[in-house]
Amino acid sequence: MNSQMEPVEQGVLGHLMALERGGMGQQDQHQSERLEMLKLRALSLRAKRDQLKQQTNAIKILKDKISKDLPLQDDDDAGGFIELQKSLLTAWKLQLKDLQRSHHLIGGYDLVECKEGKSVCVSFHTAFEGVYLDTYNMELDLTRTVQISRHNIPPSLPLESFAKQNLQKDLKAFLQTLSQNLNALAGRRQQVSLVKELAGSVEVMESNQLCNILVLMCTAQGETPRAVLCTLEYGDLTQCLPTRVSIESEDKSLSESPQWKKNQSLFLESPAHTALLTMRRMGSIA
């Protein structure tokens, strides 16, 4: 997979977000009407999503009841129980078909049934600031219980933990959690790449595969250049913005100054590369 790959279709919400980012001031009347139509469509899809959630809960309750009330005892009972399991699996597959369209538009991933219904392939599409990045894939085996048969999810993400929490009891929650974490990871990685492209007074001193820590060395502008160490910690792995930022310098008066307190807030409120560009325009860094 590479950053140039894009999903087959962006989906209604993707178009809506692109239009909103562009600003209504730059849209003609036709685009304005198109935006309103997409907003209504998005509301309809969210209602469909809520309905599907209720259906998911109902199927889960039925599955739990069958497992509790119909233990395997003899061959006849076993045969009947297997038939009930097949019926439950059929209902679950029908629900998956309903989820395929709505979750491509809302959830950020695609569901495709494969191997004659014995498995489901999921594609997770990531993007940052309107640019599509990597696509990740996973195959779920449905022959008995739901199991992950193969995938290319980055090893830095705790996939096994996500699966243990929700894969068997709430597939939708599992896919949403994984999608959020993948998208946030892609966004943090992209920020590191964009920061490295800033020539001059900014250097990436430390980062890791999960991109949950980013250490930057900045050169403060002034009569005498001074080094400032900015450490960004990302405590919420479903987000692209840091939860904690520390500013350090041998010149304590610099790191404690109102200007650098403002710079600290910039890192918390905007992507790293955007904050650095703003700091450069304000004259904080060279």
Protein backbone atom coordinates (compact mmCIF):
# COMPACT_ATOMS: atom_id res chain seq x y z
CA MET A 1 0.00 0.00 0.00
CA ASN A 2 1.15 3.53 -0.61
CA SER A 3 0.01 7.05 0.04
CA GLN A 4 -1.10 7.52 -3.56
CA MET A 5 -3.89 4.95 -3.37
CA GLU A 6 -7.41 6.28 -3.03
CA PRO A 7 -10.67 4.46 -2.31
CA VAL A 8 -12.93 3.71 -5.24
CA GLU A 9 -15.35 6.35 -4.10
CA GLN A 10 -15.04 9.09 -1.52
CA GLY A 11 -18.58 8.77 -0.21
CA VAL A 12 -21.18 11.39 0.57
CA LEU A 13 -19.59 12.57 3.79
CA GLY A 14 -16.20 12.87 2.12
CA HIS A 15 -17.66 15.20 -0.52
CA LEU A 16 -19.51 17.13 2.17
CA MET A 17 -16.39 17.69 4.22
CA ALA A 18 -14.46 18.79 1.11
CA LEU A 19 -17.14 21.35 0.28
CA GLU A 20 -17.23 22.68 3.83
CA ARG A 21 -13.42 23.02 3.91
CA GLY A 22 -13.49 24.93 0.66
CA GLY A 23 -15.71 27.60 2.21
CA MET A 24 -19.13 28.64 1.04
CA GLY A 25 -17.77 32.00 0.00
CA GLN A 26 -16.02 30.32 -2.94
CA GLN A 27 -18.96 28.17 -4.06
CA ASP A 28 -21.50 29.14 -6.70
CA GLN A 29 -25.25 28.63 -6.28
CA HIS A 30 -25.17 25.11 -7.74
CA GLN A 31 -22.51 24.00 -5.26
CA SER A 32 -24.49 25.54 -2.40
CA GLU A 33 -27.56 23.53 -3.37
CA ARG A 34 -25.38 20.42 -3.70
CA LEU A 35 -24.03 20.96 -0.18
CA GLU A 36 -27.53 21.21 1.30
CA MET A 37 -28.53 18.00 -0.48
CA LEU A 38 -25.49 16.18 0.88
CA LYS A 39 -26.23 17.40 4.40
CA LEU A 40 -29.73 15.93 4.19
CA ARG A 41 -28.26 12.70 2.81
CA ALA A 42 -25.78 12.54 5.69
CA LEU A 43 -28.62 12.92 8.23
CA SER A 44 -30.49 10.09 6.53
CA LEU A 45 -27.42 7.84 6.63
CA ARG A 46 -26.84 8.53 10.29
CA ALA A 47 -30.44 7.53 11.00
CA LYS A 48 -29.82 4.31 9.06
CA ARG A 49 -26.67 3.74 11.10
CA ASP A 50 -28.62 4.06 14.36
CA GLN A 51 -31.22 1.60 13.08
CA LEU A 52 -28.49 -0.90 12.16
CA LYS A 53 -27.02 -0.52 15.63
CA GLN A 54 -30.33 -1.57 17.15
CA GLN A 55 -30.45 -4.58 14.82
CA THR A 56 -26.92 -5.52 15.85
CA ASN A 57 -27.88 -5.46 19.51
CA ALA A 58 -30.95 -7.60 18.83
CA ILE A 59 -28.92 -10.23 17.00
CA LYS A 60 -26.33 -10.25 19.77
CA ILE A 61 -29.03 -10.79 22.40
CA LEU A 62 -30.48 -13.63 20.34
CA LYS A 63 -27.06 -15.23 19.96
CA ASP A 64 -26.41 -15.04 23.71
CA LYS A 65 -29.81 -16.55 24.47
CA ILE A 66 -29.29 -19.43 22.07
CA SER A 67 -25.88 -20.19 23.54
CA LYS A 68 -27.30 -20.13 27.08
CA ASP A 69 -30.57 -21.98 26.60
CA LEU A 70 -29.60 -24.66 24.07
CA PRO A 71 -26.52 -26.55 25.24
CA LEU A 72 -25.32 -29.48 23.16
CA GLN A 73 -26.49 -32.79 24.67
CA ASP A 74 -26.93 -35.46 22.01
CA ASP A 75 -26.75 -35.81 18.26
CA ASP A 76 -30.32 -34.62 17.67
CA ASP A 77 -29.87 -31.61 19.93
CA ALA A 78 -26.51 -30.89 18.32
CA GLY A 79 -28.07 -30.96 14.85
CA GLY A 80 -30.82 -28.57 15.88
CA PHE A 81 -28.38 -26.25 17.57
CA ILE A 82 -26.16 -26.19 14.47
CA GLU A 83 -29.18 -25.26 12.36
CA LEU A 84 -29.95 -22.40 14.73
CA GLN A 85 -26.35 -21.28 14.50
CA LYS A 86 -26.60 -21.30 10.72
CA SER A 87 -29.78 -19.24 10.85
CA LEU A 88 -28.11 -16.75 13.17
CA LEU A 89 -25.08 -16.52 10.88
CA THR A 90 -27.37 -15.93 7.89
CA ALA A 91 -29.10 -13.08 9.73
CA TRP A 92 -25.70 -11.65 10.65
CA LYS A 93 -24.57 -11.80 7.01
CA LEU A 94 -27.74 -10.00 5.88
CA GLN A 95 -26.96 -7.29 8.38
CA LEU A 96 -23.43 -7.04 6.98
CA LYS A 97 -24.87 -6.31 3.54
CA ASP A 98 -26.81 -3.38 5.00
CA LEU A 99 -23.66 -2.18 6.74
CA GLN A 100 -21.58 -2.28 3.57
CA ARG A 101 -22.98 0.89 2.04
CA SER A 102 -23.64 2.93 5.18
CA HIS A 103 -20.22 2.29 6.71
CA HIS A 104 -18.37 3.17 3.53
CA LEU A 105 -20.10 6.54 3.70
CA ILE A 106 -19.93 7.06 7.47
CA GLY A 107 -17.40 4.72 9.07
CA GLY A 108 -14.35 5.22 6.84
CA TYR A 109 -14.10 1.60 5.74
CA ASP A 110 -15.54 -0.86 3.21
CA LEU A 111 -17.00 -4.32 3.85
CA VAL A 112 -16.95 -6.90 1.05
CA GLU A 113 -18.23 -10.46 1.41
CA CYS A 114 -15.84 -13.05 -0.10
CA LYS A 115 -15.20 -16.80 -0.32
CA GLU A 116 -18.91 -17.47 -0.85
CA GLY A 117 -19.86 -15.84 2.42
CA LYS A 118 -17.25 -17.63 4.51
CA SER A 119 -15.32 -14.44 5.16
CA VAL A 120 -15.54 -10.65 4.99
CA CYS A 121 -12.77 -8.37 3.72
CA VAL A 122 -12.52 -4.92 5.28
CA SER A 123 -10.61 -1.99 3.78
CA PHE A 124 -9.77 0.96 6.05
CA HIS A 125 -9.11 4.26 4.26
CA THR A 126 -7.06 6.94 6.02
CA ALA A 127 -6.81 10.65 5.25
CA PHE A 128 -5.45 13.85 6.75
CA GLU A 129 -6.38 17.43 5.86
CA GLY A 130 -8.29 16.25 2.79
CA VAL A 131 -5.46 14.08 1.44
CA TYR A 132 -5.95 10.32 1.18
CA LEU A 133 -3.08 8.37 2.69
CA ASP A 134 -2.65 4.64 3.28
CA THR A 135 -5.30 1.93 2.92
CA TYR A 136 -5.19 -1.09 5.24
CA ASN A 137 -6.94 -4.42 4.73
CA MET A 138 -8.21 -7.21 6.94
CA GLU A 139 -9.97 -10.51 6.31
CA LEU A 140 -12.41 -11.86 8.91
CA ASP A 141 -13.15 -15.59 8.95
CA LEU A 142 -16.86 -16.32 9.63
CA THR A 143 -16.88 -20.10 9.47
CA ARG A 144 -17.27 -20.54 13.24
CA THR A 145 -16.71 -17.52 15.45
CA VAL A 146 -15.45 -14.28 13.93
CA GLN A 147 -11.66 -14.48 13.65
CA ILE A 148 -8.99 -12.33 12.00
CA SER A 149 -7.38 -14.52 9.35
CA ARG A 150 -4.96 -12.01 7.79
CA HIS A 151 -4.26 -8.27 7.73
CA ASN A 152 -1.66 -5.57 7.12
CA ILE A 153 -2.52 -3.41 10.15
CA PRO A 154 0.63 -1.65 11.49
CA PRO A 155 2.14 -3.72 14.34
CA SER A 156 2.38 -0.59 16.49
CA LEU A 157 -1.39 -0.65 17.00
CA PRO A 158 -2.72 -3.01 19.73
CA LEU A 159 -4.89 -5.03 17.33
CA GLU A 160 -5.07 -8.05 19.64
CA SER A 161 -6.37 -5.87 22.46
CA PHE A 162 -9.03 -4.30 20.21
CA ALA A 163 -10.13 -7.78 19.08
CA LYS A 164 -10.33 -9.09 22.63
CA GLN A 165 -12.54 -6.19 23.67
CA ASN A 166 -15.12 -6.19 20.88
CA LEU A 167 -14.56 -8.57 17.97
CA GLN A 168 -16.92 -11.30 19.20
CA LYS A 169 -19.55 -9.21 20.97
CA ASP A 170 -19.70 -6.02 18.90
CA LEU A 171 -18.16 -6.12 15.42
CA LYS A 172 -19.24 -2.58 14.62
CA ALA A 173 -17.48 -1.19 17.71
CA PHE A 174 -14.34 -3.17 16.82
CA LEU A 175 -14.24 -1.79 13.26
CA GLN A 176 -14.93 1.77 14.41
CA THR A 177 -12.20 1.62 17.05
CA LEU A 178 -9.69 0.25 14.57
CA SER A 179 -10.69 2.81 11.93
CA GLN A 180 -10.29 5.72 14.36
CA ASN A 181 -6.88 4.52 15.52
CA LEU A 182 -5.64 3.93 11.96
CA ASN A 183 -6.79 7.33 10.78
CA ALA A 184 -5.24 9.10 13.77
CA LEU A 185 -1.96 7.22 13.30
CA ALA A 186 -1.89 8.18 9.63
CA GLY A 187 -2.53 11.82 10.58
CA ARG A 188 0.29 11.88 13.12
CA ARG A 189 2.68 10.22 10.65
CA GLN A 190 1.77 12.78 8.02
CA GLN A 191 2.48 15.61 10.44
CA VAL A 192 5.97 14.23 11.11
CA SER A 193 6.61 14.09 7.35
CA LEU A 194 5.38 17.65 6.86
CA VAL A 195 7.49 18.93 9.77
CA LYS A 196 10.59 17.32 8.21
CA GLU A 197 9.89 19.26 5.03
CA LEU A 198 10.19 22.57 6.91
CA ALA A 199 13.73 23.63 6.15
CA GLY A 200 15.81 25.75 8.47
CA SER A 201 15.14 26.20 12.15
CA VAL A 202 13.17 23.02 12.96
CA GLU A 203 14.58 19.52 13.39
CA VAL A 204 12.80 16.30 14.38
CA MET A 205 14.89 14.88 17.23
CA GLU A 206 12.70 11.92 18.17
CA SER A 207 9.61 10.04 17.01
CA ASN A 208 8.41 6.43 17.14
CA GLN A 209 6.33 3.97 15.12
CA LEU A 210 3.14 4.83 16.96
CA CYS A 211 3.93 8.54 16.57
CA ASN A 212 2.62 9.18 20.09
CA ILE A 213 5.67 11.27 20.94
CA LEU A 214 7.37 13.93 18.84
CA VAL A 215 10.42 15.89 19.99
CA LEU A 216 11.37 18.99 18.01
CA MET A 217 14.42 21.19 18.24
CA CYS A 218 13.58 24.76 17.25
CA THR A 219 15.85 27.77 16.87
CA ALA A 220 14.32 30.82 18.52
CA GLN A 221 14.73 34.01 16.52
CA GLY A 222 16.67 36.85 18.15
CA GLU A 223 20.03 38.60 18.35
CA THR A 224 21.52 35.36 19.69
CA PRO A 225 20.02 32.11 18.34
CA ARG A 226 18.73 29.93 21.18
CA ALA A 227 17.68 26.29 21.05
CA VAL A 228 14.21 25.35 22.28
CA LEU A 229 13.14 21.73 22.80
CA CYS A 230 9.44 21.08 22.17
CA THR A 231 8.05 17.71 23.29
CA LEU A 232 4.61 16.72 22.01
CA GLU A 233 2.88 13.76 23.71
CA TYR A 234 -0.21 12.16 22.17
CA GLY A 235 -2.08 10.51 25.03
CA ASP A 236 -5.26 9.88 23.00
CA LEU A 237 -4.34 7.56 20.14
CA THR A 238 -7.65 8.23 18.36
CA GLN A 239 -6.65 11.88 17.85
CA CYS A 240 -4.09 13.74 15.73
CA LEU A 241 -3.41 16.51 18.26
CA PRO A 242 -1.19 16.19 21.34
CA THR A 243 -2.60 16.05 24.86
CA ARG A 244 0.54 17.50 26.46
CA VAL A 245 3.25 19.87 25.22
CA SER A 246 6.38 20.86 27.12
CA ILE A 247 8.79 23.66 26.19
CA GLU A 248 12.40 23.56 27.44
CA SER A 249 15.38 25.83 26.94
CA GLU A 250 18.63 26.63 28.74
CA ASP A 251 17.29 30.18 28.78
CA LYS A 252 14.50 29.76 31.35
CA SER A 253 13.18 33.25 30.68
CA LEU A 254 12.56 32.23 27.06
CA SER A 255 10.62 29.04 27.77
CA GLU A 256 8.53 30.84 30.40
CA SER A 257 7.87 33.90 28.24
CA PRO A 258 4.29 34.81 27.15
CA GLN A 259 5.28 34.26 23.52
CA TRP A 260 6.36 30.67 24.09
CA LYS A 261 3.35 30.02 26.31
CA LYS A 262 1.31 31.02 23.28
CA ASN A 263 3.40 28.71 21.09
CA GLN A 264 2.69 25.89 23.53
CA SER A 265 -1.04 26.49 23.05
CA LEU A 266 -0.58 26.51 19.28
CA PHE A 267 0.83 22.97 19.41
CA LEU A 268 -2.17 21.81 21.45
CA GLU A 269 -4.73 23.40 19.15
CA SER A 270 -3.34 22.77 15.64
CA PRO A 271 -1.24 20.19 13.76
CA ALA A 272 2.48 20.40 14.43
CA HIS A 273 3.48 21.68 10.98
CA THR A 274 0.71 24.31 11.06
CA ALA A 275 1.78 25.50 14.51
CA LEU A 276 5.41 25.80 13.36
CA LEU A 277 4.46 27.81 10.28
CA THR A 278 2.42 30.15 12.48
CA MET A 279 5.34 30.51 14.89
CA ARG A 280 7.61 31.35 11.96
CA ARG A 281 5.20 34.04 10.72
CA MET A 282 5.02 35.53 14.21
CA GLY A 283 8.81 35.66 14.40
CA SER A 284 9.19 33.13 17.21
CA ILE A 285 11.46 30.85 15.18
CA ALA A 286 13.81 31.55 12.32
